[in-house]
Amino acid sequence: YAHMTVDATALAAMSDYDRASYVKLPAWFSFVYALAVLPALAGSVALLLRSKFAWLLYGLSLIGVIVQFGWVFGATDLIAVKGAAATVPFPLFIFLMAVVQVWFAGIAIKRRWIS
């Protein structure tokens, strides 16, 4: 939510690099960000409701995560500017959690915990 609602005050508080990077984000980036976040939330609700749609929703979220961070790391110089130690761990954690969510939903379907 904070990323999607950055205002002039928040922009002013950012470093020059972060401000320039935020302003240069392509228009589709917000859609991909939402694709990474909202299906994961819906997938968790589906899992709690014992619905097999959790797997599909988690899969959509994983696609969003891959596109989002693929673009961030592939089309920007973020790692060169801030270093891998400062930029890779949290996105890697998010990616791994998305993979675990898809895997777990698949296991839940195979074991008939959800249907």
PDB file of N, CA and C in Angstrom:
ATOM      1  N   TYR A   1       0.824  -1.186   0.000  1.00  0.00           N
ATOM      2  CA  TYR A   1       0.000   0.000   0.000  1.00  0.00           C
ATOM      3  C   TYR A   1       0.871   1.253   0.000  1.00  0.00           C
ATOM      4  N   ALA A   2       1.922   1.227   0.814  1.00  0.00           N
ATOM      5  CA  ALA A   2       2.794   2.402   0.888  1.00  0.00           C
ATOM      6  C   ALA A   2       3.450   2.684  -0.460  1.00  0.00           C
ATOM      7  N   HIS A   3       3.825   1.630  -1.158  1.00  0.00           N
ATOM      8  CA  HIS A   3       4.466   1.800  -2.467  1.00  0.00           C
ATOM      9  C   HIS A   3       3.500   2.437  -3.472  1.00  0.00           C
ATOM     10  N   MET A   4       2.237   2.073  -3.377  1.00  0.00           N
ATOM     11  CA  MET A   4       1.248   2.554  -4.344  1.00  0.00           C
ATOM     12  C   MET A   4       0.744   3.961  -4.032  1.00  0.00           C
ATOM     13  N   THR A   5       0.989   4.450  -2.840  1.00  0.00           N
ATOM     14  CA  THR A   5       0.442   5.749  -2.434  1.00  0.00           C
ATOM     15  C   THR A   5       1.532   6.764  -2.086  1.00  0.00           C
ATOM     16  N   VAL A   6       2.663   6.667  -2.741  1.00  0.00           N
ATOM     17  CA  VAL A   6       3.760   7.609  -2.484  1.00  0.00           C
ATOM     18  C   VAL A   6       3.314   8.999  -2.920  1.00  0.00           C
ATOM     19  N   ASP A   7       3.486   9.959  -2.024  1.00  0.00           N
ATOM     20  CA  ASP A   7       3.124  11.335  -2.339  1.00  0.00           C
ATOM     21  C   ASP A   7       4.379  12.203  -2.385  1.00  0.00           C
ATOM     22  N   ALA A   8       4.204  13.503  -2.557  1.00  0.00           N
ATOM     23  CA  ALA A   8       5.335  14.421  -2.684  1.00  0.00           C
ATOM     24  C   ALA A   8       6.218  14.413  -1.436  1.00  0.00           C
ATOM     25  N   THR A   9       5.628  14.290  -0.271  1.00  0.00           N
ATOM     26  CA  THR A   9       6.396  14.260   0.975  1.00  0.00           C
ATOM     27  C   THR A   9       7.273  13.018   1.030  1.00  0.00           C
ATOM     28  N   ALA A  10       6.703  11.883   0.680  1.00  0.00           N
ATOM     29  CA  ALA A  10       7.470  10.632   0.682  1.00  0.00           C
ATOM     30  C   ALA A  10       8.569  10.677  -0.370  1.00  0.00           C
ATOM     31  N   LEU A  11       8.270  11.231  -1.540  1.00  0.00           N
ATOM     32  CA  LEU A  11       9.290  11.363  -2.581  1.00  0.00           C
ATOM     33  C   LEU A  11      10.441  12.243  -2.116  1.00  0.00           C
ATOM     34  N   ALA A  12      10.120  13.323  -1.428  1.00  0.00           N
ATOM     35  CA  ALA A  12      11.156  14.245  -0.947  1.00  0.00           C
ATOM     36  C   ALA A  12      12.059  13.583   0.075  1.00  0.00           C
ATOM     37  N   ALA A  13      11.534  12.632   0.823  1.00  0.00           N
ATOM     38  CA  ALA A  13      12.325  11.951   1.848  1.00  0.00           C
ATOM     39  C   ALA A  13      13.240  10.872   1.259  1.00  0.00           C
ATOM     40  N   MET A  14      13.017  10.491   0.002  1.00  0.00           N
ATOM     41  CA  MET A  14      13.823   9.440  -0.624  1.00  0.00           C
ATOM     42  C   MET A  14      15.174   9.975  -1.070  1.00  0.00           C
ATOM     43  N   SER A  15      16.121   9.046  -1.231  1.00  0.00           N
ATOM     44  CA  SER A  15      17.408   9.423  -1.810  1.00  0.00           C
ATOM     45  C   SER A  15      17.195   9.791  -3.275  1.00  0.00           C
ATOM     46  N   ASP A  16      18.169  10.479  -3.857  1.00  0.00           N
ATOM     47  CA  ASP A  16      18.048  10.867  -5.264  1.00  0.00           C
ATOM     48  C   ASP A  16      17.843   9.651  -6.157  1.00  0.00           C
ATOM     49  N   TYR A  17      18.582   8.577  -5.898  1.00  0.00           N
ATOM     50  CA  TYR A  17      18.466   7.371  -6.715  1.00  0.00           C
ATOM     51  C   TYR A  17      17.071   6.754  -6.572  1.00  0.00           C
ATOM     52  N   ASP A  18      16.594   6.615  -5.331  1.00  0.00           N
ATOM     53  CA  ASP A  18      15.277   6.022  -5.099  1.00  0.00           C
ATOM     54  C   ASP A  18      14.162   6.865  -5.724  1.00  0.00           C
ATOM     55  N   ARG A  19      14.289   8.177  -5.610  1.00  0.00           N
ATOM     56  CA  ARG A  19      13.285   9.067  -6.186  1.00  0.00           C
ATOM     57  C   ARG A  19      13.253   8.915  -7.707  1.00  0.00           C
ATOM     58  N   ALA A  20      14.421   8.936  -8.333  1.00  0.00           N
ATOM     59  CA  ALA A  20      14.500   8.794  -9.791  1.00  0.00           C
ATOM     60  C   ALA A  20      13.978   7.433 -10.234  1.00  0.00           C
ATOM     61  N   SER A  21      14.303   6.399  -9.476  1.00  0.00           N
ATOM     62  CA  SER A  21      13.830   5.055  -9.818  1.00  0.00           C
ATOM     63  C   SER A  21      12.315   4.959  -9.710  1.00  0.00           C
ATOM     64  N   TYR A  22      11.756   5.542  -8.672  1.00  0.00           N
ATOM     65  CA  TYR A  22      10.310   5.486  -8.477  1.00  0.00           C
ATOM     66  C   TYR A  22       9.584   6.237  -9.595  1.00  0.00           C
ATOM     67  N   VAL A  23      10.089   7.393  -9.951  1.00  0.00           N
ATOM     68  CA  VAL A  23       9.454   8.200 -10.986  1.00  0.00           C
ATOM     69  C   VAL A  23       9.528   7.497 -12.346  1.00  0.00           C
ATOM     70  N   LYS A  24      10.576   6.716 -12.577  1.00  0.00           N
ATOM     71  CA  LYS A  24      10.762   6.039 -13.869  1.00  0.00           C
ATOM     72  C   LYS A  24      10.036   4.697 -13.971  1.00  0.00           C
ATOM     73  N   LEU A  25       9.342   4.271 -12.919  1.00  0.00           N
ATOM     74  CA  LEU A  25       8.638   2.991 -12.989  1.00  0.00           C
ATOM     75  C   LEU A  25       7.642   3.004 -14.149  1.00  0.00           C
ATOM     76  N   PRO A  26       7.628   1.926 -14.944  1.00  0.00           N
ATOM     77  CA  PRO A  26       6.650   1.882 -16.039  1.00  0.00           C
ATOM     78  C   PRO A  26       5.228   1.784 -15.496  1.00  0.00           C
ATOM     79  N   ALA A  27       4.260   2.203 -16.295  1.00  0.00           N
ATOM     80  CA  ALA A  27       2.861   2.213 -15.866  1.00  0.00           C
ATOM     81  C   ALA A  27       2.376   0.816 -15.503  1.00  0.00           C
ATOM     82  N   TRP A  28       2.853  -0.209 -16.186  1.00  0.00           N
ATOM     83  CA  TRP A  28       2.392  -1.574 -15.929  1.00  0.00           C
ATOM     84  C   TRP A  28       2.924  -2.127 -14.614  1.00  0.00           C
ATOM     85  N   PHE A  29       3.911  -1.489 -14.017  1.00  0.00           N
ATOM     86  CA  PHE A  29       4.528  -2.009 -12.801  1.00  0.00           C
ATOM     87  C   PHE A  29       3.523  -2.102 -11.654  1.00  0.00           C
ATOM     88  N   SER A  30       2.621  -1.145 -11.560  1.00  0.00           N
ATOM     89  CA  SER A  30       1.611  -1.184 -10.497  1.00  0.00           C
ATOM     90  C   SER A  30       0.690  -2.389 -10.672  1.00  0.00           C
ATOM     91  N   PHE A  31       0.348  -2.712 -11.923  1.00  0.00           N
ATOM     92  CA  PHE A  31      -0.482  -3.886 -12.192  1.00  0.00           C
ATOM     93  C   PHE A  31       0.242  -5.154 -11.758  1.00  0.00           C
ATOM     94  N   VAL A  32       1.531  -5.261 -12.097  1.00  0.00           N
ATOM     95  CA  VAL A  32       2.298  -6.456 -11.745  1.00  0.00           C
ATOM     96  C   VAL A  32       2.473  -6.542 -10.233  1.00  0.00           C
ATOM     97  N   TYR A  33       2.669  -5.415  -9.591  1.00  0.00           N
ATOM     98  CA  TYR A  33       2.770  -5.390  -8.133  1.00  0.00           C
ATOM     99  C   TYR A  33       1.469  -5.921  -7.514  1.00  0.00           C
ATOM    100  N   ALA A  34       0.341  -5.444  -8.040  1.00  0.00           N
ATOM    101  CA  ALA A  34      -0.958  -5.919  -7.547  1.00  0.00           C
ATOM    102  C   ALA A  34      -1.132  -7.406  -7.848  1.00  0.00           C
ATOM    103  N   LEU A  35      -0.647  -7.865  -9.004  1.00  0.00           N
ATOM    104  CA  LEU A  35      -0.721  -9.281  -9.359  1.00  0.00           C
ATOM    105  C   LEU A  35       0.116 -10.132  -8.402  1.00  0.00           C
ATOM    106  N   ALA A  36       1.189  -9.585  -7.907  1.00  0.00           N
ATOM    107  CA  ALA A  36       2.017 -10.326  -6.961  1.00  0.00           C
ATOM    108  C   ALA A  36       1.376 -10.385  -5.575  1.00  0.00           C
ATOM    109  N   VAL A  37       0.650  -9.359  -5.198  1.00  0.00           N
ATOM    110  CA  VAL A  37       0.146  -9.246  -3.829  1.00  0.00           C
ATOM    111  C   VAL A  37      -1.290  -9.767  -3.660  1.00  0.00           C
ATOM    112  N   LEU A  38      -2.195  -9.299  -4.477  1.00  0.00           N
ATOM    113  CA  LEU A  38      -3.613  -9.603  -4.260  1.00  0.00           C
ATOM    114  C   LEU A  38      -3.967 -11.083  -4.434  1.00  0.00           C
ATOM    115  N   PRO A  39      -3.473 -11.776  -5.462  1.00  0.00           N
ATOM    116  CA  PRO A  39      -3.787 -13.205  -5.541  1.00  0.00           C
ATOM    117  C   PRO A  39      -3.212 -14.014  -4.371  1.00  0.00           C
ATOM    118  N   ALA A  40      -2.083 -13.580  -3.831  1.00  0.00           N
ATOM    119  CA  ALA A  40      -1.533 -14.285  -2.671  1.00  0.00           C
ATOM    120  C   ALA A  40      -2.463 -14.142  -1.473  1.00  0.00           C
ATOM    121  N   LEU A  41      -2.991 -12.961  -1.285  1.00  0.00           N
ATOM    122  CA  LEU A  41      -3.959 -12.752  -0.205  1.00  0.00           C
ATOM    123  C   LEU A  41      -5.209 -13.592  -0.447  1.00  0.00           C
ATOM    124  N   ALA A  42      -5.722 -13.539  -1.676  1.00  0.00           N
ATOM    125  CA  ALA A  42      -6.917 -14.324  -2.011  1.00  0.00           C
ATOM    126  C   ALA A  42      -6.624 -15.821  -1.906  1.00  0.00           C
ATOM    127  N   GLY A  43      -5.404 -16.230  -2.274  1.00  0.00           N
ATOM    128  CA  GLY A  43      -5.020 -17.636  -2.156  1.00  0.00           C
ATOM    129  C   GLY A  43      -5.008 -18.096  -0.713  1.00  0.00           C
ATOM    130  N   SER A  44      -4.566 -17.241   0.174  1.00  0.00           N
ATOM    131  CA  SER A  44      -4.569 -17.588   1.589  1.00  0.00           C
ATOM    132  C   SER A  44      -5.993 -17.733   2.122  1.00  0.00           C
ATOM    133  N   VAL A  45      -6.873 -16.850   1.686  1.00  0.00           N
ATOM    134  CA  VAL A  45      -8.279 -16.966   2.079  1.00  0.00           C
ATOM    135  C   VAL A  45      -8.863 -18.254   1.506  1.00  0.00           C
ATOM    136  N   ALA A  46      -8.550 -18.544   0.238  1.00  0.00           N
ATOM    137  CA  ALA A  46      -9.042 -19.781  -0.393  1.00  0.00           C
ATOM    138  C   ALA A  46      -8.524 -21.013   0.343  1.00  0.00           C
ATOM    139  N   LEU A  47      -7.282 -20.962   0.765  1.00  0.00           N
ATOM    140  CA  LEU A  47      -6.712 -22.090   1.514  1.00  0.00           C
ATOM    141  C   LEU A  47      -7.455 -22.282   2.835  1.00  0.00           C
ATOM    142  N   LEU A  48      -7.734 -21.198   3.517  1.00  0.00           N
ATOM    143  CA  LEU A  48      -8.490 -21.284   4.771  1.00  0.00           C
ATOM    144  C   LEU A  48      -9.901 -21.810   4.537  1.00  0.00           C
ATOM    145  N   LEU A  49     -10.450 -21.506   3.372  1.00  0.00           N
ATOM    146  CA  LEU A  49     -11.794 -21.988   3.018  1.00  0.00           C
ATOM    147  C   LEU A  49     -11.748 -23.378   2.382  1.00  0.00           C
ATOM    148  N   ARG A  50     -10.555 -23.960   2.352  1.00  0.00           N
ATOM    149  CA  ARG A  50     -10.332 -25.306   1.797  1.00  0.00           C
ATOM    150  C   ARG A  50     -10.720 -25.407   0.326  1.00  0.00           C
ATOM    151  N   SER A  51     -10.370 -24.388  -0.425  1.00  0.00           N
ATOM    152  CA  SER A  51     -10.662 -24.358  -1.849  1.00  0.00           C
ATOM    153  C   SER A  51      -9.397 -24.633  -2.654  1.00  0.00           C
ATOM    154  N   LYS A  52      -9.514 -25.481  -3.677  1.00  0.00           N
ATOM    155  CA  LYS A  52      -8.370 -25.799  -4.522  1.00  0.00           C
ATOM    156  C   LYS A  52      -7.952 -24.608  -5.386  1.00  0.00           C
ATOM    157  N   PHE A  53      -8.770 -23.545  -5.429  1.00  0.00           N
ATOM    158  CA  PHE A  53      -8.397 -22.345  -6.174  1.00  0.00           C
ATOM    159  C   PHE A  53      -7.186 -21.639  -5.553  1.00  0.00           C
ATOM    160  N   ALA A  54      -6.829 -22.035  -4.341  1.00  0.00           N
ATOM    161  CA  ALA A  54      -5.638 -21.479  -3.700  1.00  0.00           C
ATOM    162  C   ALA A  54      -4.412 -21.706  -4.572  1.00  0.00           C
ATOM    163  N   TRP A  55      -4.310 -22.901  -5.169  1.00  0.00           N
ATOM    164  CA  TRP A  55      -3.141 -23.218  -6.003  1.00  0.00           C
ATOM    165  C   TRP A  55      -3.054 -22.272  -7.193  1.00  0.00           C
ATOM    166  N   LEU A  56      -4.168 -22.040  -7.872  1.00  0.00           N
ATOM    167  CA  LEU A  56      -4.200 -21.138  -9.022  1.00  0.00           C
ATOM    168  C   LEU A  56      -3.852 -19.709  -8.604  1.00  0.00           C
ATOM    169  N   LEU A  57      -4.434 -19.263  -7.516  1.00  0.00           N
ATOM    170  CA  LEU A  57      -4.171 -17.901  -7.041  1.00  0.00           C
ATOM    171  C   LEU A  57      -2.717 -17.719  -6.636  1.00  0.00           C
ATOM    172  N   TYR A  58      -2.161 -18.705  -5.927  1.00  0.00           N
ATOM    173  CA  TYR A  58      -0.740 -18.634  -5.572  1.00  0.00           C
ATOM    174  C   TYR A  58       0.138 -18.665  -6.818  1.00  0.00           C
ATOM    175  N   GLY A  59      -0.280 -19.425  -7.816  1.00  0.00           N
ATOM    176  CA  GLY A  59       0.478 -19.460  -9.069  1.00  0.00           C
ATOM    177  C   GLY A  59       0.495 -18.105  -9.759  1.00  0.00           C
ATOM    178  N   LEU A  60      -0.647 -17.429  -9.786  1.00  0.00           N
ATOM    179  CA  LEU A  60      -0.704 -16.079 -10.357  1.00  0.00           C
ATOM    180  C   LEU A  60       0.203 -15.127  -9.593  1.00  0.00           C
ATOM    181  N   SER A  61       0.190 -15.251  -8.282  1.00  0.00           N
ATOM    182  CA  SER A  61       1.048 -14.412  -7.458  1.00  0.00           C
ATOM    183  C   SER A  61       2.525 -14.667  -7.769  1.00  0.00           C
ATOM    184  N   LEU A  62       2.890 -15.939  -7.923  1.00  0.00           N
ATOM    185  CA  LEU A  62       4.284 -16.276  -8.255  1.00  0.00           C
ATOM    186  C   LEU A  62       4.683 -15.651  -9.583  1.00  0.00           C
ATOM    187  N   ILE A  63       3.799 -15.689 -10.571  1.00  0.00           N
ATOM    188  CA  ILE A  63       4.091 -15.051 -11.856  1.00  0.00           C
ATOM    189  C   ILE A  63       4.322 -13.561 -11.665  1.00  0.00           C
ATOM    190  N   GLY A  64       3.471 -12.914 -10.872  1.00  0.00           N
ATOM    191  CA  GLY A  64       3.649 -11.492 -10.584  1.00  0.00           C
ATOM    192  C   GLY A  64       4.972 -11.198  -9.911  1.00  0.00           C
ATOM    193  N   VAL A  65       5.358 -12.029  -8.955  1.00  0.00           N
ATOM    194  CA  VAL A  65       6.631 -11.852  -8.247  1.00  0.00           C
ATOM    195  C   VAL A  65       7.805 -11.971  -9.227  1.00  0.00           C
ATOM    196  N   ILE A  66       7.754 -12.980 -10.095  1.00  0.00           N
ATOM    197  CA  ILE A  66       8.839 -13.186 -11.058  1.00  0.00           C
ATOM    198  C   ILE A  66       8.952 -12.002 -12.011  1.00  0.00           C
ATOM    199  N   VAL A  67       7.822 -11.540 -12.538  1.00  0.00           N
ATOM    200  CA  VAL A  67       7.860 -10.404 -13.467  1.00  0.00           C
ATOM    201  C   VAL A  67       8.330  -9.143 -12.748  1.00  0.00           C
ATOM    202  N   GLN A  68       7.797  -8.905 -11.564  1.00  0.00           N
ATOM    203  CA  GLN A  68       8.147  -7.691 -10.819  1.00  0.00           C
ATOM    204  C   GLN A  68       9.640  -7.637 -10.522  1.00  0.00           C
ATOM    205  N   PHE A  69      10.150  -8.663  -9.865  1.00  0.00           N
ATOM    206  CA  PHE A  69      11.558  -8.619  -9.479  1.00  0.00           C
ATOM    207  C   PHE A  69      12.482  -8.903 -10.659  1.00  0.00           C
ATOM    208  N   GLY A  70      11.986  -9.629 -11.654  1.00  0.00           N
ATOM    209  CA  GLY A  70      12.774  -9.813 -12.869  1.00  0.00           C
ATOM    210  C   GLY A  70      13.050  -8.483 -13.532  1.00  0.00           C
ATOM    211  N   TRP A  71      12.014  -7.636 -13.583  1.00  0.00           N
ATOM    212  CA  TRP A  71      12.212  -6.316 -14.174  1.00  0.00           C
ATOM    213  C   TRP A  71      13.118  -5.456 -13.286  1.00  0.00           C
ATOM    214  N   VAL A  72      12.871  -5.468 -11.994  1.00  0.00           N
ATOM    215  CA  VAL A  72      13.664  -4.624 -11.090  1.00  0.00           C
ATOM    216  C   VAL A  72      15.149  -4.973 -11.181  1.00  0.00           C
ATOM    217  N   PHE A  73      15.461  -6.272 -11.168  1.00  0.00           N
ATOM    218  CA  PHE A  73      16.867  -6.664 -11.190  1.00  0.00           C
ATOM    219  C   PHE A  73      17.452  -6.710 -12.599  1.00  0.00           C
ATOM    220  N   GLY A  74      16.600  -6.929 -13.607  1.00  0.00           N
ATOM    221  CA  GLY A  74      17.102  -7.037 -14.971  1.00  0.00           C
ATOM    222  C   GLY A  74      17.157  -5.734 -15.737  1.00  0.00           C
ATOM    223  N   ALA A  75      16.276  -4.798 -15.416  1.00  0.00           N
ATOM    224  CA  ALA A  75      16.185  -3.562 -16.195  1.00  0.00           C
ATOM    225  C   ALA A  75      16.704  -2.332 -15.458  1.00  0.00           C
ATOM    226  N   THR A  76      17.151  -2.507 -14.236  1.00  0.00           N
ATOM    227  CA  THR A  76      17.695  -1.372 -13.480  1.00  0.00           C
ATOM    228  C   THR A  76      19.105  -1.706 -12.999  1.00  0.00           C
ATOM    229  N   ASP A  77      19.776  -0.705 -12.510  1.00  0.00           N
ATOM    230  CA  ASP A  77      21.124  -0.901 -11.959  1.00  0.00           C
ATOM    231  C   ASP A  77      21.093  -0.935 -10.431  1.00  0.00           C
ATOM    232  N   LEU A  78      20.005  -1.406  -9.869  1.00  0.00           N
ATOM    233  CA  LEU A  78      19.811  -1.414  -8.417  1.00  0.00           C
ATOM    234  C   LEU A  78      20.933  -2.140  -7.685  1.00  0.00           C
ATOM    235  N   ILE A  79      21.292  -3.324  -8.154  1.00  0.00           N
ATOM    236  CA  ILE A  79      22.346  -4.091  -7.475  1.00  0.00           C
ATOM    237  C   ILE A  79      23.683  -3.371  -7.571  1.00  0.00           C
ATOM    238  N   ALA A  80      23.978  -2.795  -8.723  1.00  0.00           N
ATOM    239  CA  ALA A  80      25.244  -2.070  -8.887  1.00  0.00           C
ATOM    240  C   ALA A  80      25.322  -0.857  -7.969  1.00  0.00           C
ATOM    241  N   VAL A  81      24.189  -0.199  -7.766  1.00  0.00           N
ATOM    242  CA  VAL A  81      24.171   1.021  -6.953  1.00  0.00           C
ATOM    243  C   VAL A  81      24.133   0.707  -5.462  1.00  0.00           C
ATOM    244  N   LYS A  82      23.269  -0.209  -5.058  1.00  0.00           N
ATOM    245  CA  LYS A  82      23.074  -0.463  -3.631  1.00  0.00           C
ATOM    246  C   LYS A  82      23.753  -1.729  -3.131  1.00  0.00           C
ATOM    247  N   GLY A  83      24.171  -2.590  -4.038  1.00  0.00           N
ATOM    248  CA  GLY A  83      24.832  -3.832  -3.648  1.00  0.00           C
ATOM    249  C   GLY A  83      23.840  -4.968  -3.449  1.00  0.00           C
ATOM    250  N   ALA A  84      24.302  -6.177  -3.742  1.00  0.00           N
ATOM    251  CA  ALA A  84      23.445  -7.367  -3.637  1.00  0.00           C
ATOM    252  C   ALA A  84      23.013  -7.631  -2.203  1.00  0.00           C
ATOM    253  N   ALA A  85      23.881  -7.400  -1.253  1.00  0.00           N
ATOM    254  CA  ALA A  85      23.549  -7.683   0.150  1.00  0.00           C
ATOM    255  C   ALA A  85      22.392  -6.823   0.644  1.00  0.00           C
ATOM    256  N   ALA A  86      22.250  -5.626   0.096  1.00  0.00           N
ATOM    257  CA  ALA A  86      21.181  -4.729   0.526  1.00  0.00           C
ATOM    258  C   ALA A  86      19.900  -4.917  -0.272  1.00  0.00           C
ATOM    259  N   THR A  87      19.995  -5.527  -1.467  1.00  0.00           N
ATOM    260  CA  THR A  87      18.820  -5.561  -2.335  1.00  0.00           C
ATOM    261  C   THR A  87      18.257  -6.953  -2.613  1.00  0.00           C
ATOM    262  N   VAL A  88      19.049  -7.992  -2.499  1.00  0.00           N
ATOM    263  CA  VAL A  88      18.598  -9.326  -2.903  1.00  0.00           C
ATOM    264  C   VAL A  88      17.867 -10.110  -1.804  1.00  0.00           C
ATOM    265  N   PRO A  89      18.262 -10.059  -0.546  1.00  0.00           N
ATOM    266  CA  PRO A  89      17.656 -10.955   0.449  1.00  0.00           C
ATOM    267  C   PRO A  89      16.128 -10.875   0.567  1.00  0.00           C
ATOM    268  N   PHE A  90      15.549  -9.699   0.654  1.00  0.00           N
ATOM    269  CA  PHE A  90      14.101  -9.614   0.853  1.00  0.00           C
ATOM    270  C   PHE A  90      13.328 -10.072  -0.387  1.00  0.00           C
ATOM    271  N   PRO A  91      13.679  -9.633  -1.601  1.00  0.00           N
ATOM    272  CA  PRO A  91      12.998 -10.180  -2.781  1.00  0.00           C
ATOM    273  C   PRO A  91      13.181 -11.695  -2.917  1.00  0.00           C
ATOM    274  N   LEU A  92      14.339 -12.208  -2.544  1.00  0.00           N
ATOM    275  CA  LEU A  92      14.561 -13.653  -2.586  1.00  0.00           C
ATOM    276  C   LEU A  92      13.630 -14.357  -1.599  1.00  0.00           C
ATOM    277  N   PHE A  93      13.465 -13.790  -0.425  1.00  0.00           N
ATOM    278  CA  PHE A  93      12.538 -14.342   0.562  1.00  0.00           C
ATOM    279  C   PHE A  93      11.107 -14.339   0.012  1.00  0.00           C
ATOM    280  N   ILE A  94      10.701 -13.237  -0.613  1.00  0.00           N
ATOM    281  CA  ILE A  94       9.358 -13.146  -1.185  1.00  0.00           C
ATOM    282  C   ILE A  94       9.175 -14.218  -2.267  1.00  0.00           C
ATOM    283  N   PHE A  95      10.171 -14.374  -3.136  1.00  0.00           N
ATOM    284  CA  PHE A  95      10.106 -15.396  -4.188  1.00  0.00           C
ATOM    285  C   PHE A  95       9.986 -16.791  -3.579  1.00  0.00           C
ATOM    286  N   LEU A  96      10.822 -17.088  -2.591  1.00  0.00           N
ATOM    287  CA  LEU A  96      10.786 -18.411  -1.963  1.00  0.00           C
ATOM    288  C   LEU A  96       9.443 -18.669  -1.275  1.00  0.00           C
ATOM    289  N   MET A  97       8.887 -17.661  -0.633  1.00  0.00           N
ATOM    290  CA  MET A  97       7.580 -17.827   0.003  1.00  0.00           C
ATOM    291  C   MET A  97       6.497 -18.078  -1.038  1.00  0.00           C
ATOM    292  N   ALA A  98       6.571 -17.409  -2.179  1.00  0.00           N
ATOM    293  CA  ALA A  98       5.590 -17.640  -3.250  1.00  0.00           C
ATOM    294  C   ALA A  98       5.700 -19.074  -3.766  1.00  0.00           C
ATOM    295  N   VAL A  99       6.929 -19.575  -3.909  1.00  0.00           N
ATOM    296  CA  VAL A  99       7.130 -20.962  -4.343  1.00  0.00           C
ATOM    297  C   VAL A  99       6.565 -21.918  -3.297  1.00  0.00           C
ATOM    298  N   VAL A 100       6.830 -21.662  -2.028  1.00  0.00           N
ATOM    299  CA  VAL A 100       6.318 -22.520  -0.950  1.00  0.00           C
ATOM    300  C   VAL A 100       4.793 -22.514  -0.937  1.00  0.00           C
ATOM    301  N   GLN A 101       4.184 -21.366  -1.179  1.00  0.00           N
ATOM    302  CA  GLN A 101       2.720 -21.298  -1.196  1.00  0.00           C
ATOM    303  C   GLN A 101       2.145 -22.172  -2.307  1.00  0.00           C
ATOM    304  N   VAL A 102       2.723 -22.097  -3.501  1.00  0.00           N
ATOM    305  CA  VAL A 102       2.252 -22.934  -4.612  1.00  0.00           C
ATOM    306  C   VAL A 102       2.457 -24.404  -4.269  1.00  0.00           C
ATOM    307  N   TRP A 103       3.630 -24.732  -3.751  1.00  0.00           N
ATOM    308  CA  TRP A 103       3.957 -26.120  -3.380  1.00  0.00           C
ATOM    309  C   TRP A 103       2.983 -26.638  -2.317  1.00  0.00           C
ATOM    310  N   PHE A 104       2.759 -25.840  -1.279  1.00  0.00           N
ATOM    311  CA  PHE A 104       1.894 -26.290  -0.196  1.00  0.00           C
ATOM    312  C   PHE A 104       0.453 -26.481  -0.670  1.00  0.00           C
ATOM    313  N   ALA A 105      -0.035 -25.570  -1.492  1.00  0.00           N
ATOM    314  CA  ALA A 105      -1.391 -25.726  -2.019  1.00  0.00           C
ATOM    315  C   ALA A 105      -1.488 -26.993  -2.868  1.00  0.00           C
ATOM    316  N   GLY A 106      -0.438 -27.289  -3.626  1.00  0.00           N
ATOM    317  CA  GLY A 106      -0.413 -28.524  -4.405  1.00  0.00           C
ATOM    318  C   GLY A 106      -0.451 -29.758  -3.524  1.00  0.00           C
ATOM    319  N   ILE A 107       0.324 -29.732  -2.453  1.00  0.00           N
ATOM    320  CA  ILE A 107       0.323 -30.841  -1.489  1.00  0.00           C
ATOM    321  C   ILE A 107      -1.062 -30.981  -0.859  1.00  0.00           C
ATOM    322  N   ALA A 108      -1.672 -29.854  -0.509  1.00  0.00           N
ATOM    323  CA  ALA A 108      -3.000 -29.885   0.112  1.00  0.00           C
ATOM    324  C   ALA A 108      -4.031 -30.496  -0.836  1.00  0.00           C
ATOM    325  N   ILE A 109      -3.902 -30.221  -2.126  1.00  0.00           N
ATOM    326  CA  ILE A 109      -4.822 -30.817  -3.107  1.00  0.00           C
ATOM    327  C   ILE A 109      -4.575 -32.319  -3.204  1.00  0.00           C
ATOM    328  N   LYS A 110      -3.308 -32.711  -3.323  1.00  0.00           N
ATOM    329  CA  LYS A 110      -2.985 -34.154  -3.434  1.00  0.00           C
ATOM    330  C   LYS A 110      -3.429 -34.943  -2.222  1.00  0.00           C
ATOM    331  N   ARG A 111      -3.314 -34.347  -1.059  1.00  0.00           N
ATOM    332  CA  ARG A 111      -3.718 -35.048   0.176  1.00  0.00           C
ATOM    333  C   ARG A 111      -5.193 -34.855   0.500  1.00  0.00           C
ATOM    334  N   ARG A 112      -5.883 -34.154  -0.363  1.00  0.00           N
ATOM    335  CA  ARG A 112      -7.325 -33.910  -0.228  1.00  0.00           C
ATOM    336  C   ARG A 112      -7.679 -33.105   1.041  1.00  0.00           C
ATOM    337  N   TRP A 113      -6.760 -32.257   1.451  1.00  0.00           N
ATOM    338  CA  TRP A 113      -7.070 -31.349   2.548  1.00  0.00           C
ATOM    339  C   TRP A 113      -7.992 -30.242   2.045  1.00  0.00           C
ATOM    340  N   ILE A 114      -7.843 -29.939   0.747  1.00  0.00           N
ATOM    341  CA  ILE A 114      -8.705 -28.942   0.104  1.00  0.00           C
ATOM    342  C   ILE A 114      -9.275 -29.550  -1.164  1.00  0.00           C
ATOM    343  N   SER A 115     -10.403 -29.036  -1.590  1.00  0.00           N
ATOM    344  CA  SER A 115     -11.003 -29.576  -2.828  1.00  0.00           C
ATOM    345  C   SER A 115     -11.726 -28.488  -3.595  1.00  0.00           C
TER     346      SER A 115
END
